[in-house]
Amino acid sequence: LSSLIGTLKESWHHARLLCTLLCGWMLIAFLGCGAPEVRGDPIIYHITEAWLFVVNQGHVDIPSSALTYIPQNQQMLYALGMLLGSDSLAKYFHWLQGVLLIWGSMVLARQLGLAKKDSLAAGVLTASCPMWLYLATTTYIDLAVGNYILAAVYLLLAECRSGSEFGSSKDRFRPANVALAGALLGAALGCKYTAGIVGFLPALVAWFLTEIRWVGEPSRLLWKKAAIVCIFSLLTFSPWLARNYAWTGNPLAPSFISLLGPEGVPEATLKWPDILAKPAESIDGFVSLLHAYAKMFVSLSDFGNFLASLALILGTISTLAAGKKFHVMWPWQLRFLVIFLFVAFLLGVPTAALRRDSRYIMAHVAVFAVLICFW
């Protein structure tokens, strides 16, 4: 936060309007956290799970409410807020994650070589997504998921970036970057299972393909790095897997609950959309799948995620304007980010990990903001 404040001070003389907009938007969200929680999902389980933990001094297994099995990294922070004060205090933990997501978009923009003023614009664009303000004043968990994923993407991109600075693959190996990236991806999974489809797998694919660009083929070192990411992800995610396995025999409960249990779950719970993990409309055949992709991309604007469409337009125009200088508008760092976005979209639509509102992909919203400022 001190680094963020320092950057805002430095940028003030060059971009007073942007600084005012960003600070004002974050202040509005901060003040909004003072109201009691009234949103649906937080009342149903997010803040309720935190309160159950406080009252019972531990986790509670309630088969009739299968959502007690969801991973609860963020809810544990809310439990701390409830212990110290109230649900309003718990909201500030989510607001802070939103501030860090904005800061992360600014740092990522700097990583792509943008000036401080342009990186500040990326932060303003991230915050300007209406979903950011909606989430920052609630005890949802999606800003935390987005923050962890974006931080992991930044670290993996930094690990790849060193490939352009050194000659041998050994010089590029920074274990701390790789291990921390894995731990952050595991932290995202420990907040929400869908982070595996829109965060963990896309980040690994983008990183793997970018690394191969430097070494020519998957080397032993590259496999070693991938193993480190997976191991540290598992370390930060495994407590919830172990807890659910001990309770139900199904480590991924409530996912696959109809197949792996537990028994005695009410039929209404089994039909809960969050448990079914499938799109609202059935996908049957290749044409139907293409229709689902097209509809999902267009529908993102329904909930304020206009950044995806704007990035596509700007990217196309910039590529055409650049002519033969393709590498100028599409450097390898940017291709890494585009691969990350594309794989998340490709996997997220048919599995319902990506839904119509941008709440499920806040890290990707931040990436879109950076791409827009770059182009």
Protein backbone atom coordinates (compact mmCIF):
# COMPACT_ATOMS: atom_id res chain seq x y z
CA LEU A 1 0.00 0.00 0.00
CA SER A 2 2.84 2.40 0.76
CA SER A 3 4.29 1.63 -2.66
CA LEU A 4 0.89 2.33 -4.24
CA ILE A 5 0.60 5.64 -2.40
CA GLY A 6 4.12 6.56 -3.50
CA THR A 7 3.29 5.87 -7.14
CA LEU A 8 0.13 7.96 -6.90
CA LYS A 9 2.14 10.87 -5.48
CA GLU A 10 4.70 10.64 -8.28
CA SER A 11 1.97 10.48 -10.90
CA TRP A 12 -0.04 13.33 -9.40
CA HIS A 13 1.75 16.11 -11.26
CA HIS A 14 1.39 14.31 -14.62
CA ALA A 15 -2.09 12.83 -14.29
CA ARG A 16 -4.09 14.64 -11.62
CA LEU A 17 -7.41 13.68 -13.13
CA LEU A 18 -6.53 9.97 -13.21
CA CYS A 19 -5.25 10.06 -9.63
CA THR A 20 -8.37 11.88 -8.46
CA LEU A 21 -10.63 9.37 -10.20
CA LEU A 22 -8.79 6.38 -8.79
CA CYS A 23 -8.52 7.68 -5.23
CA GLY A 24 -12.14 8.86 -5.27
CA TRP A 25 -13.38 5.49 -6.53
CA MET A 26 -11.46 3.57 -3.87
CA LEU A 27 -12.71 5.98 -1.19
CA ILE A 28 -16.33 5.46 -2.28
CA ALA A 29 -15.82 1.70 -1.96
CA PHE A 30 -14.13 2.16 1.43
CA LEU A 31 -17.08 4.15 2.74
CA GLY A 32 -19.49 1.62 1.25
CA CYS A 33 -17.94 -1.10 3.40
CA GLY A 34 -19.41 0.57 6.48
CA ALA A 35 -22.90 -0.70 5.69
CA PRO A 36 -24.03 -4.15 6.89
CA GLU A 37 -23.86 -7.03 4.42
CA VAL A 38 -27.07 -7.40 2.38
CA ARG A 39 -26.00 -9.26 -0.80
CA GLY A 40 -27.38 -12.71 -1.56
CA ASP A 41 -24.40 -15.08 -1.80
CA PRO A 42 -22.51 -13.57 1.16
CA ILE A 43 -25.62 -13.90 3.34
CA ILE A 44 -26.28 -17.45 2.12
CA TYR A 45 -22.79 -18.75 2.78
CA HIS A 46 -19.73 -16.45 2.64
CA ILE A 47 -20.25 -14.33 5.74
CA THR A 48 -22.45 -17.05 7.28
CA GLU A 49 -19.60 -19.55 7.02
CA ALA A 50 -17.32 -17.10 8.80
CA TRP A 51 -19.86 -16.61 11.59
CA LEU A 52 -20.41 -20.36 11.96
CA PHE A 53 -16.66 -20.75 12.39
CA VAL A 54 -16.60 -18.06 15.09
CA VAL A 55 -19.62 -19.41 16.98
CA ASN A 56 -18.52 -23.05 16.86
CA GLN A 57 -14.79 -22.31 17.22
CA GLY A 58 -14.10 -24.45 14.18
CA HIS A 59 -15.50 -25.70 10.88
CA VAL A 60 -18.96 -27.23 10.81
CA ASP A 61 -20.14 -30.06 8.55
CA ILE A 62 -23.76 -29.43 7.52
CA PRO A 63 -24.80 -31.96 4.82
CA SER A 64 -28.07 -30.12 4.18
CA SER A 65 -26.00 -27.07 3.23
CA ALA A 66 -23.38 -28.53 0.94
CA LEU A 67 -21.79 -25.13 0.47
CA THR A 68 -20.19 -25.58 3.89
CA TYR A 69 -17.70 -27.73 1.96
CA ILE A 70 -16.41 -24.95 -0.31
CA PRO A 71 -12.77 -23.91 0.31
CA GLN A 72 -12.69 -21.01 2.75
CA ASN A 73 -9.40 -19.13 2.63
CA GLN A 74 -11.15 -15.78 2.32
CA GLN A 75 -13.91 -16.71 4.75
CA MET A 76 -11.24 -17.23 7.40
CA LEU A 77 -10.26 -13.59 6.99
CA TYR A 78 -13.91 -12.67 7.36
CA ALA A 79 -14.04 -14.75 10.53
CA LEU A 80 -11.19 -12.62 11.86
CA GLY A 81 -13.19 -9.52 11.00
CA MET A 82 -16.21 -10.92 12.81
CA LEU A 83 -14.09 -11.69 15.88
CA LEU A 84 -12.62 -8.19 15.91
CA GLY A 85 -15.76 -6.27 15.05
CA SER A 86 -18.53 -7.00 12.60
CA ASP A 87 -19.40 -7.97 9.05
CA SER A 88 -18.59 -4.38 8.08
CA LEU A 89 -15.03 -4.87 9.29
CA ALA A 90 -14.88 -8.16 7.37
CA LYS A 91 -15.74 -6.24 4.19
CA TYR A 92 -12.52 -4.27 4.45
CA PHE A 93 -10.53 -7.48 3.88
CA HIS A 94 -12.21 -7.79 0.49
CA TRP A 95 -11.84 -4.07 -0.23
CA LEU A 96 -8.11 -4.43 0.42
CA GLN A 97 -7.94 -7.29 -2.09
CA GLY A 98 -9.61 -4.99 -4.60
CA VAL A 99 -7.04 -2.25 -3.96
CA LEU A 100 -4.24 -4.78 -4.43
CA LEU A 101 -5.84 -5.93 -7.70
CA ILE A 102 -5.76 -2.34 -8.97
CA TRP A 103 -2.15 -2.01 -7.85
CA GLY A 104 -1.37 -5.32 -9.54
CA SER A 105 -2.70 -4.06 -12.86
CA MET A 106 -0.47 -1.01 -12.56
CA VAL A 107 2.60 -3.13 -11.78
CA LEU A 108 1.80 -5.48 -14.65
CA ALA A 109 1.56 -2.48 -16.99
CA ARG A 110 5.01 -1.37 -15.85
CA GLN A 111 6.26 -4.90 -16.53
CA LEU A 112 5.18 -4.43 -20.15
CA GLY A 113 7.26 -1.26 -20.34
CA LEU A 114 4.50 1.32 -20.01
CA ALA A 115 5.16 4.70 -18.44
CA LYS A 116 3.86 5.45 -14.95
CA LYS A 117 1.06 7.59 -16.33
CA ASP A 118 -0.09 4.79 -18.61
CA SER A 119 0.15 2.24 -15.80
CA LEU A 120 -2.00 4.55 -13.69
CA ALA A 121 -4.56 4.54 -16.51
CA ALA A 122 -4.58 0.73 -16.32
CA GLY A 123 -5.45 0.97 -12.64
CA VAL A 124 -8.26 3.42 -13.37
CA LEU A 125 -9.66 1.09 -16.06
CA THR A 126 -9.59 -1.87 -13.68
CA ALA A 127 -11.42 0.11 -11.01
CA SER A 128 -13.88 1.54 -13.55
CA CYS A 129 -15.36 -1.89 -14.20
CA PRO A 130 -18.67 -1.60 -12.26
CA MET A 131 -18.21 -5.10 -10.91
CA TRP A 132 -15.13 -3.94 -8.99
CA LEU A 133 -17.14 -1.44 -6.94
CA TYR A 134 -19.92 -3.95 -6.40
CA LEU A 135 -17.49 -6.55 -5.08
CA ALA A 136 -15.26 -4.19 -3.07
CA THR A 137 -18.17 -3.31 -0.79
CA THR A 138 -19.20 -6.92 -0.08
CA THR A 139 -17.98 -10.14 1.49
CA TYR A 140 -17.89 -11.95 -1.80
CA ILE A 141 -14.51 -13.64 -2.43
CA ASP A 142 -13.85 -12.89 -6.10
CA LEU A 143 -11.47 -9.95 -5.68
CA ALA A 144 -9.26 -12.19 -3.55
CA VAL A 145 -9.30 -14.90 -6.24
CA GLY A 146 -8.46 -12.32 -8.90
CA ASN A 147 -5.66 -10.79 -6.84
CA TYR A 148 -3.96 -14.13 -6.21
CA ILE A 149 -4.22 -15.18 -9.87
CA LEU A 150 -2.91 -11.84 -11.15
CA ALA A 151 0.04 -11.94 -8.73
CA ALA A 152 0.89 -15.48 -9.90
CA VAL A 153 0.68 -14.42 -13.56
CA TYR A 154 3.02 -11.51 -12.82
CA LEU A 155 5.58 -13.81 -11.20
CA LEU A 156 5.45 -16.39 -13.98
CA LEU A 157 5.80 -13.64 -16.57
CA ALA A 158 8.79 -12.28 -14.67
CA GLU A 159 10.35 -15.73 -14.71
CA CYS A 160 9.87 -15.87 -18.49
CA ARG A 161 11.12 -12.34 -18.93
CA SER A 162 14.52 -13.27 -17.54
CA GLY A 163 14.85 -15.50 -20.59
CA SER A 164 15.40 -12.45 -22.74
CA GLU A 165 18.18 -11.25 -20.46
CA PHE A 166 20.33 -14.32 -19.99
CA GLY A 167 21.79 -16.94 -22.25
CA SER A 168 21.39 -20.28 -20.52
CA SER A 169 18.25 -21.79 -19.08
CA LYS A 170 19.94 -22.17 -15.67
CA ASP A 171 20.26 -18.41 -15.38
CA ARG A 172 16.54 -18.07 -15.83
CA PHE A 173 15.61 -20.32 -12.93
CA ARG A 174 14.46 -18.29 -9.95
CA PRO A 175 12.97 -20.82 -7.51
CA ALA A 176 11.39 -18.15 -5.30
CA ASN A 177 9.35 -16.76 -8.21
CA VAL A 178 8.13 -20.18 -9.27
CA ALA A 179 7.35 -21.41 -5.75
CA LEU A 180 5.52 -18.22 -4.76
CA ALA A 181 3.53 -18.27 -8.01
CA GLY A 182 2.45 -21.82 -7.20
CA ALA A 183 1.50 -20.86 -3.64
CA LEU A 184 -0.59 -17.95 -4.91
CA LEU A 185 -2.41 -20.14 -7.42
CA GLY A 186 -3.09 -22.58 -4.58
CA ALA A 187 -4.41 -19.69 -2.48
CA ALA A 188 -6.81 -18.82 -5.30
CA LEU A 189 -7.96 -22.45 -5.43
CA GLY A 190 -8.39 -22.31 -1.66
CA CYS A 191 -10.92 -19.54 -2.21
CA LYS A 192 -12.81 -20.94 -5.20
CA TYR A 193 -12.59 -24.16 -7.21
CA THR A 194 -13.20 -22.32 -10.50
CA ALA A 195 -9.81 -20.66 -10.07
CA GLY A 196 -8.33 -23.91 -11.31
CA ILE A 197 -10.01 -23.55 -14.70
CA VAL A 198 -9.74 -19.81 -15.28
CA GLY A 199 -6.48 -19.27 -13.37
CA PHE A 200 -4.26 -22.25 -12.61
CA LEU A 201 -4.46 -24.11 -15.94
CA PRO A 202 -4.40 -21.01 -18.22
CA ALA A 203 -1.42 -19.58 -16.34
CA LEU A 204 0.50 -22.85 -16.63
CA VAL A 205 -0.27 -23.20 -20.35
CA ALA A 206 0.73 -19.59 -21.11
CA TRP A 207 3.92 -19.94 -19.08
CA PHE A 208 4.81 -23.32 -20.56
CA LEU A 209 4.38 -22.14 -24.16
CA THR A 210 6.34 -18.95 -23.49
CA GLU A 211 9.20 -20.85 -21.83
CA ILE A 212 9.36 -23.24 -24.81
CA ARG A 213 9.83 -20.16 -26.99
CA TRP A 214 13.21 -19.63 -25.27
CA VAL A 215 14.47 -23.19 -24.85
CA GLY A 216 12.97 -24.61 -28.05
CA GLU A 217 11.42 -27.66 -26.42
CA PRO A 218 10.27 -28.78 -22.98
CA SER A 219 13.50 -29.31 -21.07
CA ARG A 220 14.12 -31.13 -17.81
CA LEU A 221 14.41 -27.76 -16.07
CA LEU A 222 11.04 -26.67 -17.43
CA TRP A 223 9.38 -29.82 -16.12
CA LYS A 224 11.09 -29.17 -12.79
CA LYS A 225 9.64 -25.67 -12.67
CA ALA A 226 6.18 -26.96 -13.49
CA ALA A 227 6.48 -29.53 -10.72
CA ILE A 228 7.43 -26.81 -8.22
CA VAL A 229 4.38 -24.76 -9.20
CA CYS A 230 2.09 -27.76 -8.78
CA ILE A 231 3.63 -28.82 -5.45
CA PHE A 232 3.34 -25.37 -3.87
CA SER A 233 -0.17 -24.95 -5.23
CA LEU A 234 -1.14 -28.21 -3.61
CA LEU A 235 0.44 -27.18 -0.32
CA THR A 236 -1.76 -24.10 0.01
CA PHE A 237 -4.87 -25.82 -1.38
CA SER A 238 -4.62 -29.24 0.28
CA PRO A 239 -6.06 -28.35 3.74
CA TRP A 240 -9.51 -27.99 2.22
CA LEU A 241 -9.11 -31.19 0.21
CA ALA A 242 -8.11 -33.07 3.38
CA ARG A 243 -10.96 -31.61 5.41
CA ASN A 244 -13.58 -32.51 2.81
CA TYR A 245 -12.18 -35.99 2.35
CA ALA A 246 -12.34 -36.58 6.09
CA TRP A 247 -15.93 -35.36 6.21
CA THR A 248 -17.39 -36.83 3.02
CA GLY A 249 -14.86 -39.01 1.21
CA ASN A 250 -15.10 -36.45 -1.61
CA PRO A 251 -12.11 -34.06 -1.48
CA LEU A 252 -13.71 -31.72 -4.03
CA ALA A 253 -17.10 -31.46 -2.32
CA PRO A 254 -19.50 -29.90 -3.12
CA SER A 255 -18.31 -30.45 -6.71
CA PHE A 256 -19.21 -33.91 -8.05
CA ILE A 257 -21.39 -34.33 -5.00
CA SER A 258 -23.92 -36.47 -6.86
CA LEU A 259 -21.15 -38.93 -7.79
CA LEU A 260 -18.73 -38.87 -4.86
CA GLY A 261 -21.00 -37.90 -2.00
CA PRO A 262 -21.65 -37.27 0.78
CA GLU A 263 -24.90 -39.15 1.19
CA GLY A 264 -28.10 -37.62 2.46
CA VAL A 265 -27.81 -34.35 0.55
CA PRO A 266 -31.27 -32.92 -0.28
CA GLU A 267 -32.36 -33.04 -3.92
CA ALA A 268 -32.72 -29.26 -4.01
CA THR A 269 -29.06 -28.93 -3.02
CA LEU A 270 -27.96 -31.35 -5.73
CA LYS A 271 -29.67 -29.15 -8.32
CA TRP A 272 -27.96 -25.98 -7.08
CA PRO A 273 -26.35 -24.26 -10.13
CA ASP A 274 -23.04 -23.73 -8.28
CA ILE A 275 -22.81 -27.47 -7.65
CA LEU A 276 -23.87 -28.64 -11.09
CA ALA A 277 -20.98 -26.68 -12.64
CA LYS A 278 -22.50 -26.47 -16.09
CA PRO A 279 -23.71 -23.59 -18.26
CA ALA A 280 -27.28 -22.37 -17.94
CA GLU A 281 -27.92 -23.63 -21.48
CA SER A 282 -26.94 -27.16 -22.44
CA ILE A 283 -24.09 -27.50 -24.94
CA ASP A 284 -24.73 -30.28 -27.42
CA GLY A 285 -22.44 -30.50 -30.42
CA PHE A 286 -19.74 -28.33 -31.95
CA VAL A 287 -22.12 -25.72 -33.37
CA SER A 288 -23.78 -25.37 -29.99
CA LEU A 289 -20.38 -24.90 -28.38
CA LEU A 290 -19.43 -22.15 -30.84
CA HIS A 291 -22.76 -20.46 -30.14
CA ALA A 292 -22.04 -20.62 -26.40
CA TYR A 293 -18.62 -18.99 -26.91
CA ALA A 294 -20.05 -16.20 -29.06
CA LYS A 295 -22.94 -15.56 -26.68
CA MET A 296 -20.68 -15.54 -23.63
CA PHE A 297 -18.32 -12.96 -25.11
CA VAL A 298 -21.18 -10.65 -26.10
CA SER A 299 -22.95 -11.17 -22.77
CA LEU A 300 -19.96 -10.00 -20.75
CA SER A 301 -21.06 -6.43 -21.40
CA ASP A 302 -24.33 -7.13 -19.56
CA PHE A 303 -22.50 -6.82 -16.25
CA GLY A 304 -20.10 -4.03 -17.06
CA ASN A 305 -17.17 -6.01 -18.42
CA PHE A 306 -16.81 -3.78 -21.45
CA LEU A 307 -13.02 -4.06 -21.28
CA ALA A 308 -12.90 -7.37 -23.17
CA SER A 309 -14.67 -5.94 -26.23
CA LEU A 310 -12.61 -2.75 -26.10
CA ALA A 311 -9.34 -4.72 -25.92
CA LEU A 312 -10.35 -6.82 -28.94
CA ILE A 313 -11.15 -3.71 -30.98
CA LEU A 314 -7.95 -1.88 -30.00
CA GLY A 315 -5.80 -4.95 -30.56
CA THR A 316 -7.20 -5.44 -34.05
CA ILE A 317 -6.79 -1.77 -34.99
CA SER A 318 -3.25 -1.63 -33.58
CA THR A 319 -2.22 -4.77 -35.48
CA LEU A 320 -3.57 -3.41 -38.77
CA ALA A 321 -1.97 -0.01 -38.18
CA ALA A 322 1.40 -1.55 -37.35
CA GLY A 323 1.54 -3.32 -40.70
CA LYS A 324 4.56 -5.60 -40.84
CA LYS A 325 5.78 -4.52 -37.40
CA PHE A 326 3.76 -7.23 -35.70
CA HIS A 327 6.29 -7.72 -32.91
CA VAL A 328 5.88 -4.08 -31.87
CA MET A 329 2.17 -4.43 -31.09
CA TRP A 330 2.48 -8.06 -29.97
CA PRO A 331 5.70 -8.54 -27.97
CA TRP A 332 6.17 -11.91 -26.30
CA GLN A 333 5.04 -10.60 -22.90
CA LEU A 334 1.73 -9.54 -24.38
CA ARG A 335 1.33 -12.86 -26.18
CA PHE A 336 1.76 -14.58 -22.80
CA LEU A 337 -1.19 -12.59 -21.43
CA VAL A 338 -3.34 -13.21 -24.50
CA ILE A 339 -2.71 -16.97 -24.29
CA PHE A 340 -3.70 -16.82 -20.62
CA LEU A 341 -6.96 -15.04 -21.48
CA PHE A 342 -7.73 -17.30 -24.43
CA VAL A 343 -7.24 -20.56 -22.54
CA ALA A 344 -9.36 -19.29 -19.64
CA PHE A 345 -12.13 -18.43 -22.08
CA LEU A 346 -11.77 -21.72 -23.93
CA LEU A 347 -12.02 -23.79 -20.74
CA GLY A 348 -14.31 -21.54 -18.75
CA VAL A 349 -17.37 -21.40 -21.00
CA PRO A 350 -18.24 -25.13 -21.30
CA THR A 351 -17.46 -25.78 -17.62
CA ALA A 352 -19.39 -22.74 -16.30
CA ALA A 353 -16.23 -21.47 -14.59
CA LEU A 354 -16.74 -18.32 -16.67
CA ARG A 355 -20.20 -16.84 -16.41
CA ARG A 356 -21.97 -13.81 -17.75
CA ASP A 357 -20.82 -11.40 -15.08
CA SER A 358 -17.15 -10.52 -14.76
CA ARG A 359 -17.13 -11.46 -11.07
CA TYR A 360 -15.54 -14.82 -11.92
CA ILE A 361 -12.62 -13.33 -13.86
CA MET A 362 -11.47 -10.18 -12.08
CA ALA A 363 -7.80 -11.01 -12.72
CA HIS A 364 -8.64 -11.14 -16.42
CA VAL A 365 -10.41 -7.79 -16.18
CA ALA A 366 -7.15 -6.31 -14.88
CA VAL A 367 -5.21 -7.94 -17.74
CA PHE A 368 -7.68 -6.49 -20.26
CA ALA A 369 -7.11 -3.06 -18.74
CA VAL A 370 -3.34 -3.44 -19.20
CA LEU A 371 -3.73 -4.58 -22.82
CA ILE A 372 -5.92 -1.59 -23.60
CA CYS A 373 -3.35 0.84 -22.22
CA PHE A 374 -0.56 -0.95 -24.11
CA TRP A 375 -2.33 -0.79 -27.47
